[in-house]
Amino acid sequence: INLDKKIFKALSNSNNGEVGNDTVFYY
């Protein structure tokens, strides 16, 4: 799988994490 030009958002995270549903990743 290649991540080039892919955009992601979080589905879930542990309570001690800071990434949430409003965090967007641009790979």
mmCIF file of all heavy atoms, coordinates in Angstrom:
data_MODEL
# 
_entry.id   MODEL 
# 
loop_
_atom_site.group_PDB 
_atom_site.id 
_atom_site.type_symbol 
_atom_site.label_atom_id 
_atom_site.label_alt_id 
_atom_site.label_comp_id 
_atom_site.label_asym_id 
_atom_site.label_entity_id 
_atom_site.label_seq_id 
_atom_site.pdbx_PDB_ins_code 
_atom_site.Cartn_x 
_atom_site.Cartn_y 
_atom_site.Cartn_z 
_atom_site.occupancy 
_atom_site.B_iso_or_equiv 
_atom_site.pdbx_formal_charge 
_atom_site.auth_seq_id 
_atom_site.auth_comp_id 
_atom_site.auth_asym_id 
_atom_site.auth_atom_id 
_atom_site.pdbx_PDB_model_num 
ATOM 1   N N   . ILE A 1 1  ? 0.842   -1.196 0.000  1.00 0.00 ? 1  ILE A N   1 
ATOM 2   C CA  . ILE A 1 1  ? 0.000   0.000  0.000  1.00 0.00 ? 1  ILE A CA  1 
ATOM 3   C C   . ILE A 1 1  ? 0.874   1.241  0.000  1.00 0.00 ? 1  ILE A C   1 
ATOM 4   O O   . ILE A 1 1  ? 1.838   1.328  0.756  1.00 0.00 ? 1  ILE A O   1 
ATOM 5   C CB  . ILE A 1 1  ? -0.948  -0.013 1.212  1.00 0.00 ? 1  ILE A CB  1 
ATOM 6   C CG1 . ILE A 1 1  ? -1.946  -1.177 1.056  1.00 0.00 ? 1  ILE A CG1 1 
ATOM 7   C CG2 . ILE A 1 1  ? -1.656  1.318  1.370  1.00 0.00 ? 1  ILE A CG2 1 
ATOM 8   C CD1 . ILE A 1 1  ? -2.859  -1.370 2.236  1.00 0.00 ? 1  ILE A CD1 1 
ATOM 9   N N   . ASN A 1 2  ? 0.553   2.201  -0.872 1.00 0.00 ? 2  ASN A N   1 
ATOM 10  C CA  . ASN A 1 2  ? 1.293   3.457  -0.984 1.00 0.00 ? 2  ASN A CA  1 
ATOM 11  C C   . ASN A 1 2  ? 0.434   4.587  -0.427 1.00 0.00 ? 2  ASN A C   1 
ATOM 12  O O   . ASN A 1 2  ? -0.754  4.676  -0.724 1.00 0.00 ? 2  ASN A O   1 
ATOM 13  C CB  . ASN A 1 2  ? 1.647   3.699  -2.458 1.00 0.00 ? 2  ASN A CB  1 
ATOM 14  C CG  . ASN A 1 2  ? 2.579   4.864  -2.647 1.00 0.00 ? 2  ASN A CG  1 
ATOM 15  O OD1 . ASN A 1 2  ? 2.236   5.999  -2.342 1.00 0.00 ? 2  ASN A OD1 1 
ATOM 16  N ND2 . ASN A 1 2  ? 3.758   4.579  -3.172 1.00 0.00 ? 2  ASN A ND2 1 
ATOM 17  N N   . LEU A 1 3  ? 1.046   5.464  0.365  1.00 0.00 ? 3  LEU A N   1 
ATOM 18  C CA  . LEU A 1 3  ? 0.312   6.549  1.018  1.00 0.00 ? 3  LEU A CA  1 
ATOM 19  C C   . LEU A 1 3  ? 0.437   7.886  0.296  1.00 0.00 ? 3  LEU A C   1 
ATOM 20  O O   . LEU A 1 3  ? -0.078  8.899  0.793  1.00 0.00 ? 3  LEU A O   1 
ATOM 21  C CB  . LEU A 1 3  ? 0.794   6.712  2.463  1.00 0.00 ? 3  LEU A CB  1 
ATOM 22  C CG  . LEU A 1 3  ? 0.649   5.486  3.361  1.00 0.00 ? 3  LEU A CG  1 
ATOM 23  C CD1 . LEU A 1 3  ? 1.154   5.809  4.762  1.00 0.00 ? 3  LEU A CD1 1 
ATOM 24  C CD2 . LEU A 1 3  ? -0.782  4.999  3.395  1.00 0.00 ? 3  LEU A CD2 1 
ATOM 25  N N   . ASP A 1 4  ? 1.079   7.917  -0.862 1.00 0.00 ? 4  ASP A N   1 
ATOM 26  C CA  . ASP A 1 4  ? 1.316   9.188  -1.542 1.00 0.00 ? 4  ASP A CA  1 
ATOM 27  C C   . ASP A 1 4  ? 0.005   9.898  -1.879 1.00 0.00 ? 4  ASP A C   1 
ATOM 28  O O   . ASP A 1 4  ? -0.907  9.298  -2.447 1.00 0.00 ? 4  ASP A O   1 
ATOM 29  C CB  . ASP A 1 4  ? 2.126   8.966  -2.815 1.00 0.00 ? 4  ASP A CB  1 
ATOM 30  C CG  . ASP A 1 4  ? 2.690   10.262 -3.362 1.00 0.00 ? 4  ASP A CG  1 
ATOM 31  O OD1 . ASP A 1 4  ? 3.164   11.096 -2.552 1.00 0.00 ? 4  ASP A OD1 1 
ATOM 32  O OD2 . ASP A 1 4  ? 2.662   10.449 -4.587 1.00 0.00 ? 4  ASP A OD2 1 
ATOM 33  N N   . LYS A 1 5  ? -0.079  11.157 -1.498 1.00 0.00 ? 5  LYS A N   1 
ATOM 34  C CA  . LYS A 1 5  ? -1.229  12.033 -1.747 1.00 0.00 ? 5  LYS A CA  1 
ATOM 35  C C   . LYS A 1 5  ? -2.517  11.553 -1.082 1.00 0.00 ? 5  LYS A C   1 
ATOM 36  O O   . LYS A 1 5  ? -3.611  11.916 -1.486 1.00 0.00 ? 5  LYS A O   1 
ATOM 37  C CB  . LYS A 1 5  ? -1.433  12.245 -3.236 1.00 0.00 ? 5  LYS A CB  1 
ATOM 38  C CG  . LYS A 1 5  ? -0.261  12.937 -3.896 1.00 0.00 ? 5  LYS A CG  1 
ATOM 39  C CD  . LYS A 1 5  ? -0.508  13.207 -5.351 1.00 0.00 ? 5  LYS A CD  1 
ATOM 40  C CE  . LYS A 1 5  ? 0.646   14.003 -5.910 1.00 0.00 ? 5  LYS A CE  1 
ATOM 41  N NZ  . LYS A 1 5  ? 1.353   13.397 -6.974 1.00 0.00 ? 5  LYS A NZ  1 
ATOM 42  N N   . LYS A 1 6  ? -2.385  10.742 -0.029 1.00 0.00 ? 6  LYS A N   1 
ATOM 43  C CA  . LYS A 1 6  ? -3.551  10.256 0.708  1.00 0.00 ? 6  LYS A CA  1 
ATOM 44  C C   . LYS A 1 6  ? -3.814  11.170 1.906  1.00 0.00 ? 6  LYS A C   1 
ATOM 45  O O   . LYS A 1 6  ? -2.895  11.689 2.529  1.00 0.00 ? 6  LYS A O   1 
ATOM 46  C CB  . LYS A 1 6  ? -3.348  8.830  1.206  1.00 0.00 ? 6  LYS A CB  1 
ATOM 47  C CG  . LYS A 1 6  ? -3.034  7.826  0.106  1.00 0.00 ? 6  LYS A CG  1 
ATOM 48  C CD  . LYS A 1 6  ? -4.183  7.627  -0.837 1.00 0.00 ? 6  LYS A CD  1 
ATOM 49  C CE  . LYS A 1 6  ? -3.862  6.528  -1.835 1.00 0.00 ? 6  LYS A CE  1 
ATOM 50  N NZ  . LYS A 1 6  ? -4.904  6.336  -2.808 1.00 0.00 ? 6  LYS A NZ  1 
ATOM 51  N N   . ILE A 1 7  ? -5.084  11.356 2.231  1.00 0.00 ? 7  ILE A N   1 
ATOM 52  C CA  . ILE A 1 7  ? -5.502  12.185 3.359  1.00 0.00 ? 7  ILE A CA  1 
ATOM 53  C C   . ILE A 1 7  ? -6.288  11.301 4.331  1.00 0.00 ? 7  ILE A C   1 
ATOM 54  O O   . ILE A 1 7  ? -7.161  10.541 3.916  1.00 0.00 ? 7  ILE A O   1 
ATOM 55  C CB  . ILE A 1 7  ? -6.366  13.373 2.886  1.00 0.00 ? 7  ILE A CB  1 
ATOM 56  C CG1 . ILE A 1 7  ? -5.573  14.223 1.885  1.00 0.00 ? 7  ILE A CG1 1 
ATOM 57  C CG2 . ILE A 1 7  ? -6.824  14.211 4.070  1.00 0.00 ? 7  ILE A CG2 1 
ATOM 58  C CD1 . ILE A 1 7  ? -6.401  15.306 1.212  1.00 0.00 ? 7  ILE A CD1 1 
ATOM 59  N N   . PHE A 1 8  ? -5.957  11.407 5.626  1.00 0.00 ? 8  PHE A N   1 
ATOM 60  C CA  . PHE A 1 8  ? -6.562  10.568 6.652  1.00 0.00 ? 8  PHE A CA  1 
ATOM 61  C C   . PHE A 1 8  ? -7.100  11.417 7.798  1.00 0.00 ? 8  PHE A C   1 
ATOM 62  O O   . PHE A 1 8  ? -6.632  12.528 8.028  1.00 0.00 ? 8  PHE A O   1 
ATOM 63  C CB  . PHE A 1 8  ? -5.512  9.614  7.253  1.00 0.00 ? 8  PHE A CB  1 
ATOM 64  C CG  . PHE A 1 8  ? -5.054  8.539  6.325  1.00 0.00 ? 8  PHE A CG  1 
ATOM 65  C CD1 . PHE A 1 8  ? -4.051  8.792  5.402  1.00 0.00 ? 8  PHE A CD1 1 
ATOM 66  C CD2 . PHE A 1 8  ? -5.598  7.274  6.376  1.00 0.00 ? 8  PHE A CD2 1 
ATOM 67  C CE1 . PHE A 1 8  ? -3.599  7.796  4.544  1.00 0.00 ? 8  PHE A CE1 1 
ATOM 68  C CE2 . PHE A 1 8  ? -5.157  6.272  5.529  1.00 0.00 ? 8  PHE A CE2 1 
ATOM 69  C CZ  . PHE A 1 8  ? -4.157  6.538  4.603  1.00 0.00 ? 8  PHE A CZ  1 
ATOM 70  N N   . LYS A 1 9  ? -8.055  10.842 8.518  1.00 0.00 ? 9  LYS A N   1 
ATOM 71  C CA  . LYS A 1 9  ? -8.496  11.411 9.795  1.00 0.00 ? 9  LYS A CA  1 
ATOM 72  C C   . LYS A 1 9  ? -8.635  10.276 10.789 1.00 0.00 ? 9  LYS A C   1 
ATOM 73  O O   . LYS A 1 9  ? -8.742  9.105  10.411 1.00 0.00 ? 9  LYS A O   1 
ATOM 74  C CB  . LYS A 1 9  ? -9.774  12.226 9.658  1.00 0.00 ? 9  LYS A CB  1 
ATOM 75  C CG  . LYS A 1 9  ? -11.014 11.426 9.371  1.00 0.00 ? 9  LYS A CG  1 
ATOM 76  C CD  . LYS A 1 9  ? -12.240 12.279 9.205  1.00 0.00 ? 9  LYS A CD  1 
ATOM 77  C CE  . LYS A 1 9  ? -12.626 12.896 10.522 1.00 0.00 ? 9  LYS A CE  1 
ATOM 78  N NZ  . LYS A 1 9  ? -13.861 13.661 10.489 1.00 0.00 ? 9  LYS A NZ  1 
ATOM 79  N N   . ALA A 1 10 ? -8.646  10.611 12.072 1.00 0.00 ? 10 ALA A N   1 
ATOM 80  C CA  . ALA A 1 10 ? -8.683  9.600  13.121 1.00 0.00 ? 10 ALA A CA  1 
ATOM 81  C C   . ALA A 1 10 ? -10.070 8.999  13.277 1.00 0.00 ? 10 ALA A C   1 
ATOM 82  O O   . ALA A 1 10 ? -11.074 9.713  13.234 1.00 0.00 ? 10 ALA A O   1 
ATOM 83  C CB  . ALA A 1 10 ? -8.212  10.203 14.434 1.00 0.00 ? 10 ALA A CB  1 
ATOM 84  N N   . LEU A 1 11 ? -10.115 7.685  13.470 1.00 0.00 ? 11 LEU A N   1 
ATOM 85  C CA  . LEU A 1 11 ? -11.337 6.981  13.858 1.00 0.00 ? 11 LEU A CA  1 
ATOM 86  C C   . LEU A 1 11 ? -11.373 6.795  15.371 1.00 0.00 ? 11 LEU A C   1 
ATOM 87  O O   . LEU A 1 11 ? -12.434 6.880  15.980 1.00 0.00 ? 11 LEU A O   1 
ATOM 88  C CB  . LEU A 1 11 ? -11.389 5.605  13.203 1.00 0.00 ? 11 LEU A CB  1 
ATOM 89  C CG  . LEU A 1 11 ? -11.736 5.521  11.733 1.00 0.00 ? 11 LEU A CG  1 
ATOM 90  C CD1 . LEU A 1 11 ? -11.613 4.083  11.251 1.00 0.00 ? 11 LEU A CD1 1 
ATOM 91  C CD2 . LEU A 1 11 ? -13.133 6.037  11.474 1.00 0.00 ? 11 LEU A CD2 1 
ATOM 92  N N   . SER A 1 12 ? -10.199 6.526  15.951 1.00 0.00 ? 12 SER A N   1 
ATOM 93  C CA  . SER A 1 12 ? -10.114 6.296  17.391 1.00 0.00 ? 12 SER A CA  1 
ATOM 94  C C   . SER A 1 12 ? -8.693  6.565  17.855 1.00 0.00 ? 12 SER A C   1 
ATOM 95  O O   . SER A 1 12 ? -7.754  6.569  17.056 1.00 0.00 ? 12 SER A O   1 
ATOM 96  C CB  . SER A 1 12 ? -10.504 4.853  17.738 1.00 0.00 ? 12 SER A CB  1 
ATOM 97  O OG  . SER A 1 12 ? -9.567  3.949  17.182 1.00 0.00 ? 12 SER A OG  1 
ATOM 98  N N   . ASN A 1 13 ? -8.551  6.787  19.166 1.00 0.00 ? 13 ASN A N   1 
ATOM 99  C CA  . ASN A 1 13 ? -7.246  6.986  19.772 1.00 0.00 ? 13 ASN A CA  1 
ATOM 100 C C   . ASN A 1 13 ? -7.350  6.669  21.255 1.00 0.00 ? 13 ASN A C   1 
ATOM 101 O O   . ASN A 1 13 ? -8.421  6.817  21.861 1.00 0.00 ? 13 ASN A O   1 
ATOM 102 C CB  . ASN A 1 13 ? -6.762  8.423  19.561 1.00 0.00 ? 13 ASN A CB  1 
ATOM 103 C CG  . ASN A 1 13 ? -5.271  8.587  19.778 1.00 0.00 ? 13 ASN A CG  1 
ATOM 104 O OD1 . ASN A 1 13 ? -4.551  7.630  20.052 1.00 0.00 ? 13 ASN A OD1 1 
ATOM 105 N ND2 . ASN A 1 13 ? -4.795  9.808  19.664 1.00 0.00 ? 13 ASN A ND2 1 
ATOM 106 N N   . SER A 1 14 ? -6.242  6.248  21.846 1.00 0.00 ? 14 SER A N   1 
ATOM 107 C CA  . SER A 1 14 ? -6.183  6.030  23.286 1.00 0.00 ? 14 SER A CA  1 
ATOM 108 C C   . SER A 1 14 ? -6.385  7.358  24.014 1.00 0.00 ? 14 SER A C   1 
ATOM 109 O O   . SER A 1 14 ? -6.095  8.429  23.464 1.00 0.00 ? 14 SER A O   1 
ATOM 110 C CB  . SER A 1 14 ? -4.828  5.433  23.670 1.00 0.00 ? 14 SER A CB  1 
ATOM 111 O OG  . SER A 1 14 ? -4.631  4.187  23.048 1.00 0.00 ? 14 SER A OG  1 
ATOM 112 N N   . ASN A 1 15 ? -6.843  7.292  25.248 1.00 0.00 ? 15 ASN A N   1 
ATOM 113 C CA  . ASN A 1 15 ? -7.121  8.502  26.025 1.00 0.00 ? 15 ASN A CA  1 
ATOM 114 C C   . ASN A 1 15 ? -5.901  9.388  26.236 1.00 0.00 ? 15 ASN A C   1 
ATOM 115 O O   . ASN A 1 15 ? -6.033  10.592 26.401 1.00 0.00 ? 15 ASN A O   1 
ATOM 116 C CB  . ASN A 1 15 ? -7.720  8.132  27.388 1.00 0.00 ? 15 ASN A CB  1 
ATOM 117 C CG  . ASN A 1 15 ? -9.132  7.606  27.264 1.00 0.00 ? 15 ASN A CG  1 
ATOM 118 O OD1 . ASN A 1 15 ? -9.833  7.884  26.298 1.00 0.00 ? 15 ASN A OD1 1 
ATOM 119 N ND2 . ASN A 1 15 ? -9.553  6.831  28.241 1.00 0.00 ? 15 ASN A ND2 1 
ATOM 120 N N   . ASN A 1 16 ? -4.703  8.811  26.244 1.00 0.00 ? 16 ASN A N   1 
ATOM 121 C CA  . ASN A 1 16 ? -3.481  9.577  26.466 1.00 0.00 ? 16 ASN A CA  1 
ATOM 122 C C   . ASN A 1 16 ? -2.916  10.168 25.175 1.00 0.00 ? 16 ASN A C   1 
ATOM 123 O O   . ASN A 1 16 ? -1.867  10.802 25.184 1.00 0.00 ? 16 ASN A O   1 
ATOM 124 C CB  . ASN A 1 16 ? -2.416  8.719  27.158 1.00 0.00 ? 16 ASN A CB  1 
ATOM 125 C CG  . ASN A 1 16 ? -2.089  7.465  26.378 1.00 0.00 ? 16 ASN A CG  1 
ATOM 126 O OD1 . ASN A 1 16 ? -2.929  6.917  25.676 1.00 0.00 ? 16 ASN A OD1 1 
ATOM 127 N ND2 . ASN A 1 16 ? -0.873  6.983  26.506 1.00 0.00 ? 16 ASN A ND2 1 
ATOM 128 N N   . GLY A 1 17 ? -3.623  10.009 24.060 1.00 0.00 ? 17 GLY A N   1 
ATOM 129 C CA  . GLY A 1 17 ? -3.201  10.584 22.780 1.00 0.00 ? 17 GLY A CA  1 
ATOM 130 C C   . GLY A 1 17 ? -3.801  11.958 22.564 1.00 0.00 ? 17 GLY A C   1 
ATOM 131 O O   . GLY A 1 17 ? -4.743  12.362 23.261 1.00 0.00 ? 17 GLY A O   1 
ATOM 132 N N   . GLU A 1 18 ? -3.261  12.696 21.610 1.00 0.00 ? 18 GLU A N   1 
ATOM 133 C CA  . GLU A 1 18 ? -3.761  14.040 21.309 1.00 0.00 ? 18 GLU A CA  1 
ATOM 134 C C   . GLU A 1 18 ? -4.452  14.135 19.954 1.00 0.00 ? 18 GLU A C   1 
ATOM 135 O O   . GLU A 1 18 ? -5.132  15.094 19.678 1.00 0.00 ? 18 GLU A O   1 
ATOM 136 C CB  . GLU A 1 18 ? -2.617  15.054 21.390 1.00 0.00 ? 18 GLU A CB  1 
ATOM 137 C CG  . GLU A 1 18 ? -2.081  15.192 22.796 1.00 0.00 ? 18 GLU A CG  1 
ATOM 138 C CD  . GLU A 1 18 ? -1.126  16.343 22.989 1.00 0.00 ? 18 GLU A CD  1 
ATOM 139 O OE1 . GLU A 1 18 ? -0.523  16.830 22.008 1.00 0.00 ? 18 GLU A OE1 1 
ATOM 140 O OE2 . GLU A 1 18 ? -0.975  16.763 24.151 1.00 0.00 ? 18 GLU A OE2 1 
ATOM 141 N N   . VAL A 1 19 ? -4.273  13.139 19.104 1.00 0.00 ? 19 VAL A N   1 
ATOM 142 C CA  . VAL A 1 19 ? -4.941  13.110 17.807 1.00 0.00 ? 19 VAL A CA  1 
ATOM 143 C C   . VAL A 1 19 ? -6.416  12.797 18.038 1.00 0.00 ? 19 VAL A C   1 
ATOM 144 O O   . VAL A 1 19 ? -6.753  11.891 18.802 1.00 0.00 ? 19 VAL A O   1 
ATOM 145 C CB  . VAL A 1 19 ? -4.290  12.061 16.882 1.00 0.00 ? 19 VAL A CB  1 
ATOM 146 C CG1 . VAL A 1 19 ? -5.144  11.765 15.666 1.00 0.00 ? 19 VAL A CG1 1 
ATOM 147 C CG2 . VAL A 1 19 ? -2.899  12.531 16.459 1.00 0.00 ? 19 VAL A CG2 1 
ATOM 148 N N   . GLY A 1 20 ? -7.305  13.562 17.394 1.00 0.00 ? 20 GLY A N   1 
ATOM 149 C CA  . GLY A 1 20 ? -8.737  13.348 17.527 1.00 0.00 ? 20 GLY A CA  1 
ATOM 150 C C   . GLY A 1 20 ? -9.443  13.379 16.194 1.00 0.00 ? 20 GLY A C   1 
ATOM 151 O O   . GLY A 1 20 ? -8.799  13.474 15.132 1.00 0.00 ? 20 GLY A O   1 
ATOM 152 N N   . ASN A 1 21 ? -10.756 13.339 16.202 1.00 0.00 ? 21 ASN A N   1 
ATOM 153 C CA  . ASN A 1 21 ? -11.559 13.298 14.977 1.00 0.00 ? 21 ASN A CA  1 
ATOM 154 C C   . ASN A 1 21 ? -11.357 14.515 14.081 1.00 0.00 ? 21 ASN A C   1 
ATOM 155 O O   . ASN A 1 21 ? -11.631 14.459 12.888 1.00 0.00 ? 21 ASN A O   1 
ATOM 156 C CB  . ASN A 1 21 ? -13.043 13.159 15.314 1.00 0.00 ? 21 ASN A CB  1 
ATOM 157 C CG  . ASN A 1 21 ? -13.368 11.815 15.923 1.00 0.00 ? 21 ASN A CG  1 
ATOM 158 O OD1 . ASN A 1 21 ? -12.622 10.855 15.775 1.00 0.00 ? 21 ASN A OD1 1 
ATOM 159 N ND2 . ASN A 1 21 ? -14.465 11.749 16.637 1.00 0.00 ? 21 ASN A ND2 1 
ATOM 160 N N   . ASP A 1 22 ? -10.913 15.639 14.651 1.00 0.00 ? 22 ASP A N   1 
ATOM 161 C CA  . ASP A 1 22 ? -10.683 16.857 13.870 1.00 0.00 ? 22 ASP A CA  1 
ATOM 162 C C   . ASP A 1 22 ? -9.257  16.965 13.334 1.00 0.00 ? 22 ASP A C   1 
ATOM 163 O O   . ASP A 1 22 ? -8.922  17.947 12.679 1.00 0.00 ? 22 ASP A O   1 
ATOM 164 C CB  . ASP A 1 22 ? -10.992 18.094 14.716 1.00 0.00 ? 22 ASP A CB  1 
ATOM 165 C CG  . ASP A 1 22 ? -12.464 18.173 15.088 1.00 0.00 ? 22 ASP A CG  1 
ATOM 166 O OD1 . ASP A 1 22 ? -13.295 17.685 14.299 1.00 0.00 ? 22 ASP A OD1 1 
ATOM 167 O OD2 . ASP A 1 22 ? -12.773 18.704 16.161 1.00 0.00 ? 22 ASP A OD2 1 
ATOM 168 N N   . THR A 1 23 ? -8.404  15.983 13.620 1.00 0.00 ? 23 THR A N   1 
ATOM 169 C CA  . THR A 1 23 ? -7.023  16.000 13.135 1.00 0.00 ? 23 THR A CA  1 
ATOM 170 C C   . THR A 1 23 ? -6.972  15.368 11.749 1.00 0.00 ? 23 THR A C   1 
ATOM 171 O O   . THR A 1 23 ? -7.505  14.274 11.544 1.00 0.00 ? 23 THR A O   1 
ATOM 172 C CB  . THR A 1 23 ? -6.098  15.227 14.090 1.00 0.00 ? 23 THR A CB  1 
ATOM 173 O OG1 . THR A 1 23 ? -6.312  15.678 15.429 1.00 0.00 ? 23 THR A OG1 1 
ATOM 174 C CG2 . THR A 1 23 ? -4.636  15.436 13.706 1.00 0.00 ? 23 THR A CG2 1 
ATOM 175 N N   . VAL A 1 24 ? -6.340  16.065 10.801 1.00 0.00 ? 24 VAL A N   1 
ATOM 176 C CA  . VAL A 1 24 ? -6.227  15.587 9.421  1.00 0.00 ? 24 VAL A CA  1 
ATOM 177 C C   . VAL A 1 24 ? -4.757  15.421 9.070  1.00 0.00 ? 24 VAL A C   1 
ATOM 178 O O   . VAL A 1 24 ? -3.929  16.281 9.374  1.00 0.00 ? 24 VAL A O   1 
ATOM 179 C CB  . VAL A 1 24 ? -6.919  16.560 8.439  1.00 0.00 ? 24 VAL A CB  1 
ATOM 180 C CG1 . VAL A 1 24 ? -6.797  16.064 7.009  1.00 0.00 ? 24 VAL A CG1 1 
ATOM 181 C CG2 . VAL A 1 24 ? -8.383  16.743 8.817  1.00 0.00 ? 24 VAL A CG2 1 
ATOM 182 N N   . PHE A 1 25 ? -4.429  14.299 8.408  1.00 0.00 ? 25 PHE A N   1 
ATOM 183 C CA  . PHE A 1 25 ? -3.070  13.952 8.006  1.00 0.00 ? 25 PHE A CA  1 
ATOM 184 C C   . PHE A 1 25 ? -2.972  13.996 6.487  1.00 0.00 ? 25 PHE A C   1 
ATOM 185 O O   . PHE A 1 25 ? -3.803  13.396 5.803  1.00 0.00 ? 25 PHE A O   1 
ATOM 186 C CB  . PHE A 1 25 ? -2.719  12.535 8.465  1.00 0.00 ? 25 PHE A CB  1 
ATOM 187 C CG  . PHE A 1 25 ? -2.638  12.369 9.946  1.00 0.00 ? 25 PHE A CG  1 
ATOM 188 C CD1 . PHE A 1 25 ? -3.789  12.256 10.719 1.00 0.00 ? 25 PHE A CD1 1 
ATOM 189 C CD2 . PHE A 1 25 ? -1.409  12.313 10.580 1.00 0.00 ? 25 PHE A CD2 1 
ATOM 190 C CE1 . PHE A 1 25 ? -3.719  12.086 12.093 1.00 0.00 ? 25 PHE A CE1 1 
ATOM 191 C CE2 . PHE A 1 25 ? -1.325  12.151 11.953 1.00 0.00 ? 25 PHE A CE2 1 
ATOM 192 C CZ  . PHE A 1 25 ? -2.484  12.035 12.707 1.00 0.00 ? 25 PHE A CZ  1 
ATOM 193 N N   . TYR A 1 26 ? -1.923  14.637 5.978  1.00 0.00 ? 26 TYR A N   1 
ATOM 194 C CA  . TYR A 1 26 ? -1.671  14.760 4.537  1.00 0.00 ? 26 TYR A CA  1 
ATOM 195 C C   . TYR A 1 26 ? -0.354  14.053 4.229  1.00 0.00 ? 26 TYR A C   1 
ATOM 196 O O   . TYR A 1 26 ? 0.718   14.588 4.491  1.00 0.00 ? 26 TYR A O   1 
ATOM 197 C CB  . TYR A 1 26 ? -1.598  16.234 4.133  1.00 0.00 ? 26 TYR A CB  1 
ATOM 198 C CG  . TYR A 1 26 ? -2.837  17.017 4.493  1.00 0.00 ? 26 TYR A CG  1 
ATOM 199 C CD1 . TYR A 1 26 ? -2.973  17.608 5.750  1.00 0.00 ? 26 TYR A CD1 1 
ATOM 200 C CD2 . TYR A 1 26 ? -3.883  17.137 3.589  1.00 0.00 ? 26 TYR A CD2 1 
ATOM 201 C CE1 . TYR A 1 26 ? -4.114  18.321 6.087  1.00 0.00 ? 26 TYR A CE1 1 
ATOM 202 C CE2 . TYR A 1 26 ? -5.034  17.848 3.923  1.00 0.00 ? 26 TYR A CE2 1 
ATOM 203 C CZ  . TYR A 1 26 ? -5.133  18.430 5.177  1.00 0.00 ? 26 TYR A CZ  1 
ATOM 204 O OH  . TYR A 1 26 ? -6.268  19.132 5.508  1.00 0.00 ? 26 TYR A OH  1 
ATOM 205 N N   . TYR A 1 27 ? -0.432  12.852 3.660  1.00 0.00 ? 27 TYR A N   1 
ATOM 206 C CA  . TYR A 1 27 ? 0.738   12.000 3.449  1.00 0.00 ? 27 TYR A CA  1 
ATOM 207 C C   . TYR A 1 27 ? 1.375   12.185 2.077  1.00 0.00 ? 27 TYR A C   1 
ATOM 208 O O   . TYR A 1 27 ? 0.691   12.475 1.091  1.00 0.00 ? 27 TYR A O   1 
ATOM 209 C CB  . TYR A 1 27 ? 0.350   10.526 3.574  1.00 0.00 ? 27 TYR A CB  1 
ATOM 210 C CG  . TYR A 1 27 ? 0.339   10.015 4.982  1.00 0.00 ? 27 TYR A CG  1 
ATOM 211 C CD1 . TYR A 1 27 ? -0.791  10.134 5.781  1.00 0.00 ? 27 TYR A CD1 1 
ATOM 212 C CD2 . TYR A 1 27 ? 1.467   9.413  5.529  1.00 0.00 ? 27 TYR A CD2 1 
ATOM 213 C CE1 . TYR A 1 27 ? -0.808  9.657  7.087  1.00 0.00 ? 27 TYR A CE1 1 
ATOM 214 C CE2 . TYR A 1 27 ? 1.462   8.932  6.826  1.00 0.00 ? 27 TYR A CE2 1 
ATOM 215 C CZ  . TYR A 1 27 ? 0.320   9.059  7.594  1.00 0.00 ? 27 TYR A CZ  1 
ATOM 216 O OH  . TYR A 1 27 ? 0.310   8.596  8.877  1.00 0.00 ? 27 TYR A OH  1 
# 
